[in-house]
C-alpha atoms as a PDB file:
ATOM      1  CA  UNK A   1       2.411  10.007  -2.304  1.00  0.00           C
ATOM      2  CA  UNK A   2       0.205   6.946  -2.325  1.00  0.00           C
ATOM      3  CA  UNK A   3       0.871   3.618  -0.547  1.00  0.00           C
ATOM      4  CA  UNK A   4       0.628   0.456  -2.665  1.00  0.00           C
ATOM      5  CA  UNK A   5      -0.314  -3.094  -1.869  1.00  0.00           C
ATOM      6  CA  UNK A   6       3.222  -4.242  -2.773  1.00  0.00           C
ATOM      7  CA  UNK A   7       4.772  -1.551  -0.516  1.00  0.00           C
ATOM      8  CA  UNK A   8       2.576  -2.614   2.389  1.00  0.00           C
ATOM      9  CA  UNK A   9       3.304  -6.340   1.966  1.00  0.00           C
ATOM     10  CA  UNK A  10       7.099  -5.482   1.949  1.00  0.00           C
ATOM     11  CA  UNK A  11       6.522  -3.412   5.097  1.00  0.00           C
ATOM     12  CA  UNK A  12       4.684  -6.498   6.655  1.00  0.00           C
ATOM     13  CA  UNK A  13       7.618  -8.741   5.953  1.00  0.00           C
ATOM     14  CA  UNK A  14      10.157  -6.435   7.682  1.00  0.00           C
ATOM     15  CA  UNK A  15       8.102  -4.752  10.367  1.00  0.00           C
ATOM     16  CA  UNK A  16       5.476  -7.470  11.231  1.00  0.00           C
ATOM     17  CA  UNK A  17       7.321 -10.696  10.594  1.00  0.00           C
ATOM     18  CA  UNK A  18       4.967 -12.834  12.696  1.00  0.00           C
ATOM     19  CA  UNK A  19       2.028 -11.776  10.446  1.00  0.00           C
ATOM     20  CA  UNK A  20       4.145 -12.390   7.337  1.00  0.00           C
ATOM     21  CA  UNK A  21       5.220 -15.868   8.506  1.00  0.00           C
ATOM     22  CA  UNK A  22       1.605 -16.764   9.335  1.00  0.00           C
ATOM     23  CA  UNK A  23       0.541 -15.941   5.737  1.00  0.00           C
ATOM     24  CA  UNK A  24      -1.223 -12.606   6.217  1.00  0.00           C
ATOM     25  CA  UNK A  25      -1.319 -10.772   2.914  1.00  0.00           C
ATOM     26  CA  UNK A  26      -2.816  -7.490   1.886  1.00  0.00           C
ATOM     27  CA  UNK A  27      -4.728  -7.859  -1.475  1.00  0.00           C
ATOM     28  CA  UNK A  28      -6.660  -4.594  -1.865  1.00  0.00           C
ATOM     29  CA  UNK A  29      -5.974  -1.028  -0.631  1.00  0.00           C
ATOM     30  CA  UNK A  30      -7.859   1.936  -1.894  1.00  0.00           C
ATOM     31  CA  UNK A  31      -9.441   5.170  -0.597  1.00  0.00           C
ATOM     32  CA  UNK A  32     -12.405   3.332   0.883  1.00  0.00           C
ATOM     33  CA  UNK A  33     -11.456  -0.230   1.674  1.00  0.00           C
ATOM     34  CA  UNK A  34      -8.870  -2.892   2.141  1.00  0.00           C
ATOM     35  CA  UNK A  35      -8.851  -6.658   1.880  1.00  0.00           C
ATOM     36  CA  UNK A  36      -6.447  -9.049   3.624  1.00  0.00           C
ATOM     37  CA  UNK A  37      -6.289 -12.788   3.183  1.00  0.00           C
ATOM     38  CA  UNK A  38      -4.867 -15.527   5.354  1.00  0.00           C
ATOM     39  CA  UNK A  39      -5.013 -19.260   4.779  1.00  0.00           C
ATOM     40  CA  UNK A  40      -5.330 -21.867   7.562  1.00  0.00           C
ATOM     41  CA  UNK A  41      -2.140 -23.879   7.749  1.00  0.00           C
ATOM     42  CA  UNK A  42       0.106 -25.586  10.215  1.00  0.00           C
ATOM     43  CA  UNK A  43       1.952 -22.483  11.357  1.00  0.00           C
ATOM     44  CA  UNK A  44      -1.235 -20.620  12.223  1.00  0.00           C
ATOM     45  CA  UNK A  45      -3.322 -23.401  13.761  1.00  0.00           C
ATOM     46  CA  UNK A  46      -4.805 -23.802  17.174  1.00  0.00           C
ATOM     47  CA  UNK A  47      -5.427 -27.029  19.087  1.00  0.00           C
ATOM     48  CA  UNK A  48      -8.977 -27.170  17.640  1.00  0.00           C
ATOM     49  CA  UNK A  49      -8.019 -27.644  14.021  1.00  0.00           C
ATOM     50  CA  UNK A  50      -8.741 -24.071  12.917  1.00  0.00           C
ATOM     51  CA  UNK A  51      -6.913 -20.782  12.657  1.00  0.00           C
ATOM     52  CA  UNK A  52      -5.630 -19.284  15.926  1.00  0.00           C
ATOM     53  CA  UNK A  53      -7.551 -16.173  16.939  1.00  0.00           C
ATOM     54  CA  UNK A  54      -4.414 -14.105  17.155  1.00  0.00           C
ATOM     55  CA  UNK A  55      -3.725 -14.695  13.407  1.00  0.00           C
ATOM     56  CA  UNK A  56      -7.256 -13.598  12.626  1.00  0.00           C
ATOM     57  CA  UNK A  57      -6.628 -10.472  14.772  1.00  0.00           C
ATOM     58  CA  UNK A  58      -3.479  -9.666  12.808  1.00  0.00           C
ATOM     59  CA  UNK A  59      -5.223  -9.962   9.546  1.00  0.00           C
ATOM     60  CA  UNK A  60      -8.179  -7.948  10.654  1.00  0.00           C
ATOM     61  CA  UNK A  61      -6.002  -5.235  12.224  1.00  0.00           C
ATOM     62  CA  UNK A  62      -4.084  -4.895   8.980  1.00  0.00           C
ATOM     63  CA  UNK A  63      -7.190  -4.098   7.037  1.00  0.00           C
ATOM     64  CA  UNK A  64      -7.891  -1.097   9.267  1.00  0.00           C
ATOM     65  CA  UNK A  65      -4.189  -0.158   9.786  1.00  0.00           C
ATOM     66  CA  UNK A  66      -3.319  -0.142   6.122  1.00  0.00           C
ATOM     67  CA  UNK A  67      -6.026   2.375   5.371  1.00  0.00           C
ATOM     68  CA  UNK A  68      -4.828   4.557   8.240  1.00  0.00           C
ATOM     69  CA  UNK A  69      -1.205   4.405   7.046  1.00  0.00           C
ATOM     70  CA  UNK A  70      -2.261   5.167   3.450  1.00  0.00           C
ATOM     71  CA  UNK A  71      -4.365   8.232   4.489  1.00  0.00           C
ATOM     72  CA  UNK A  72      -1.651   9.597   6.881  1.00  0.00           C
ATOM     73  CA  UNK A  73       1.073   9.273   4.091  1.00  0.00           C
ATOM     74  CA  UNK A  74      -1.197  11.003   1.626  1.00  0.00           C
ATOM     75  CA  UNK A  75      -1.966  13.887   4.012  1.00  0.00           C
ATOM     76  CA  UNK A  76       1.709  14.881   3.939  1.00  0.00           C
ATOM     77  CA  UNK A  77       1.541  15.636   7.730  1.00  0.00           C
ATOM     78  CA  UNK A  78       3.381  14.070  10.541  1.00  0.00           C
ATOM     79  CA  UNK A  79       0.622  12.115  12.445  1.00  0.00           C
ATOM     80  CA  UNK A  80       0.926   9.352  14.912  1.00  0.00           C
ATOM     81  CA  UNK A  81      -1.321   6.357  15.016  1.00  0.00           C
ATOM     82  CA  UNK A  82      -2.051   3.806  17.683  1.00  0.00           C
ATOM     83  CA  UNK A  83      -4.594   1.055  18.296  1.00  0.00           C
ATOM     84  CA  UNK A  84      -6.089   1.930  21.701  1.00  0.00           C
ATOM     85  CA  UNK A  85      -8.715  -0.878  21.992  1.00  0.00           C
ATOM     86  CA  UNK A  86     -10.084  -3.759  20.026  1.00  0.00           C
ATOM     87  CA  UNK A  87     -12.737  -6.412  20.315  1.00  0.00           C
ATOM     88  CA  UNK A  88     -13.430  -9.550  18.322  1.00  0.00           C
ATOM     89  CA  UNK A  89     -16.153 -12.163  18.017  1.00  0.00           C
ATOM     90  CA  UNK A  90     -16.022 -15.541  16.527  1.00  0.00           C
ATOM     91  CA  UNK A  91     -19.008 -17.238  14.811  1.00  0.00           C
ATOM     92  CA  UNK A  92     -17.506 -20.152  12.943  1.00  0.00           C
ATOM     93  CA  UNK A  93     -14.272 -22.132  12.796  1.00  0.00           C
ATOM     94  CA  UNK A  94     -11.729 -20.415  10.559  1.00  0.00           C
ATOM     95  CA  UNK A  95     -10.384 -22.959   8.026  1.00  0.00           C
ATOM     96  CA  UNK A  96      -9.386 -22.527   4.457  1.00  0.00           C
ATOM     97  CA  UNK A  97      -8.751 -19.075   3.059  1.00  0.00           C
ATOM     98  CA  UNK A  98     -10.243 -16.178   5.162  1.00  0.00           C
ATOM     99  CA  UNK A  99     -10.695 -12.806   3.730  1.00  0.00           C
ATOM    100  CA  UNK A 100     -10.958  -9.771   5.987  1.00  0.00           C
ATOM    101  CA  UNK A 101     -12.484  -6.561   4.693  1.00  0.00           C
ATOM    102  CA  UNK A 102     -12.652  -3.111   6.057  1.00  0.00           C
ATOM    103  CA  UNK A 103     -14.746  -0.419   4.372  1.00  0.00           C
ATOM    104  CA  UNK A 104     -14.121   2.499   6.734  1.00  0.00           C
ATOM    105  CA  UNK A 105     -11.874   4.808   4.692  1.00  0.00           C
ATOM    106  CA  UNK A 106     -14.196   7.705   5.148  1.00  0.00           C
ATOM    107  CA  UNK A 107     -13.981   7.532   8.825  1.00  0.00           C
ATOM    108  CA  UNK A 108     -10.244   8.023   8.871  1.00  0.00           C
ATOM    109  CA  UNK A 109     -10.596  10.999   6.476  1.00  0.00           C
ATOM    110  CA  UNK A 110     -12.776  12.837   8.960  1.00  0.00           C
ATOM    111  CA  UNK A 111     -10.588  12.058  11.935  1.00  0.00           C
ATOM    112  CA  UNK A 112      -7.438  13.214  10.042  1.00  0.00           C
ATOM    113  CA  UNK A 113      -9.140  16.422   8.962  1.00  0.00           C
ATOM    114  CA  UNK A 114     -10.085  17.202  12.604  1.00  0.00           C
ATOM    115  CA  UNK A 115      -6.673  16.474  14.037  1.00  0.00           C
ATOM    116  CA  UNK A 116      -4.892  18.526  11.403  1.00  0.00           C
ATOM    117  CA  UNK A 117      -7.328  21.373  11.998  1.00  0.00           C
ATOM    118  CA  UNK A 118      -7.387  21.329  15.775  1.00  0.00           C
ATOM    119  CA  UNK A 119      -4.112  19.703  16.699  1.00  0.00           C
ATOM    120  CA  UNK A 120      -6.163  17.483  19.136  1.00  0.00           C
ATOM    121  CA  UNK A 121      -6.017  13.664  19.014  1.00  0.00           C
ATOM    122  CA  UNK A 122      -8.979  11.849  17.452  1.00  0.00           C
ATOM    123  CA  UNK A 123     -10.377   8.358  17.890  1.00  0.00           C
ATOM    124  CA  UNK A 124     -12.271   6.268  15.506  1.00  0.00           C
ATOM    125  CA  UNK A 125     -13.627   2.752  15.543  1.00  0.00           C
ATOM    126  CA  UNK A 126     -13.004   0.810  12.366  1.00  0.00           C
ATOM    127  CA  UNK A 127     -14.600  -2.648  11.528  1.00  0.00           C
ATOM    128  CA  UNK A 128     -13.226  -5.661   9.833  1.00  0.00           C
ATOM    129  CA  UNK A 129     -15.183  -8.810   8.898  1.00  0.00           C
ATOM    130  CA  UNK A 130     -13.654 -12.125   8.150  1.00  0.00           C
ATOM    131  CA  UNK A 131     -15.349 -14.361   5.607  1.00  0.00           C
ATOM    132  CA  UNK A 132     -14.418 -17.948   4.607  1.00  0.00           C
ATOM    133  CA  UNK A 133     -14.372 -19.426   1.104  1.00  0.00           C
ATOM    134  CA  UNK A 134     -18.021 -20.431   1.398  1.00  0.00           C
ATOM    135  CA  UNK A 135     -19.088 -16.882   2.152  1.00  0.00           C
ATOM    136  CA  UNK A 136     -19.807 -17.397   5.866  1.00  0.00           C
ATOM    137  CA  UNK A 137     -18.687 -14.932   8.422  1.00  0.00           C
ATOM    138  CA  UNK A 138     -16.123 -16.528  10.810  1.00  0.00           C
ATOM    139  CA  UNK A 139     -15.158 -13.389  12.850  1.00  0.00           C
ATOM    140  CA  UNK A 140     -15.739  -9.701  13.231  1.00  0.00           C
ATOM    141  CA  UNK A 141     -13.458  -7.111  14.775  1.00  0.00           C
ATOM    142  CA  UNK A 142     -13.552  -3.556  15.924  1.00  0.00           C
ATOM    143  CA  UNK A 143     -10.377  -1.525  16.231  1.00  0.00           C
ATOM    144  CA  UNK A 144     -10.188   1.805  17.968  1.00  0.00           C
ATOM    145  CA  UNK A 145      -7.513   3.947  16.363  1.00  0.00           C
ATOM    146  CA  UNK A 146      -6.148   7.176  17.894  1.00  0.00           C
ATOM    147  CA  UNK A 147      -4.562   9.653  15.516  1.00  0.00           C
ATOM    148  CA  UNK A 148      -2.928  12.899  16.422  1.00  0.00           C
ATOM    149  CA  UNK A 149      -0.824  15.508  14.864  1.00  0.00           C
ATOM    150  CA  UNK A 150       2.859  15.229  16.043  1.00  0.00           C
ATOM    151  CA  UNK A 151       4.153  18.409  17.731  1.00  0.00           C
ATOM    152  CA  UNK A 152       7.605  19.739  16.976  1.00  0.00           C
ATOM    153  CA  UNK A 153       9.928  19.749  19.983  1.00  0.00           C
END
């Protein structure tokens, strides 16, 4: 069973309401990549007249997490997922509409194959880049995901 953009945005509304309220929206989700947008507005501002870094972090994390969720669901296996680390860097004020993109679908494929085969947890680092409407990079993130096959008790 595949996960759709519509299903993920509904999930966002009910399970991650702070991201939903800040305007984080999944736009693209496929086997390889995902795209999330968020627009600078009053509710997600910082004191410096740009988007608060935590809002950018939520949007960036969703680009990676949406792919992980999709791949786990498609595997048909009971697999847990958890962010174990993340880093972010900021190169320009985030104003206007920011689009975050992750193109690391192949990385999660390999990690899921290994955890299903061995039963051992796997970690991968997935990247997400935030680009403004002018095409300039405003932020870059790396999220370390841990996946492991759930054991029956």
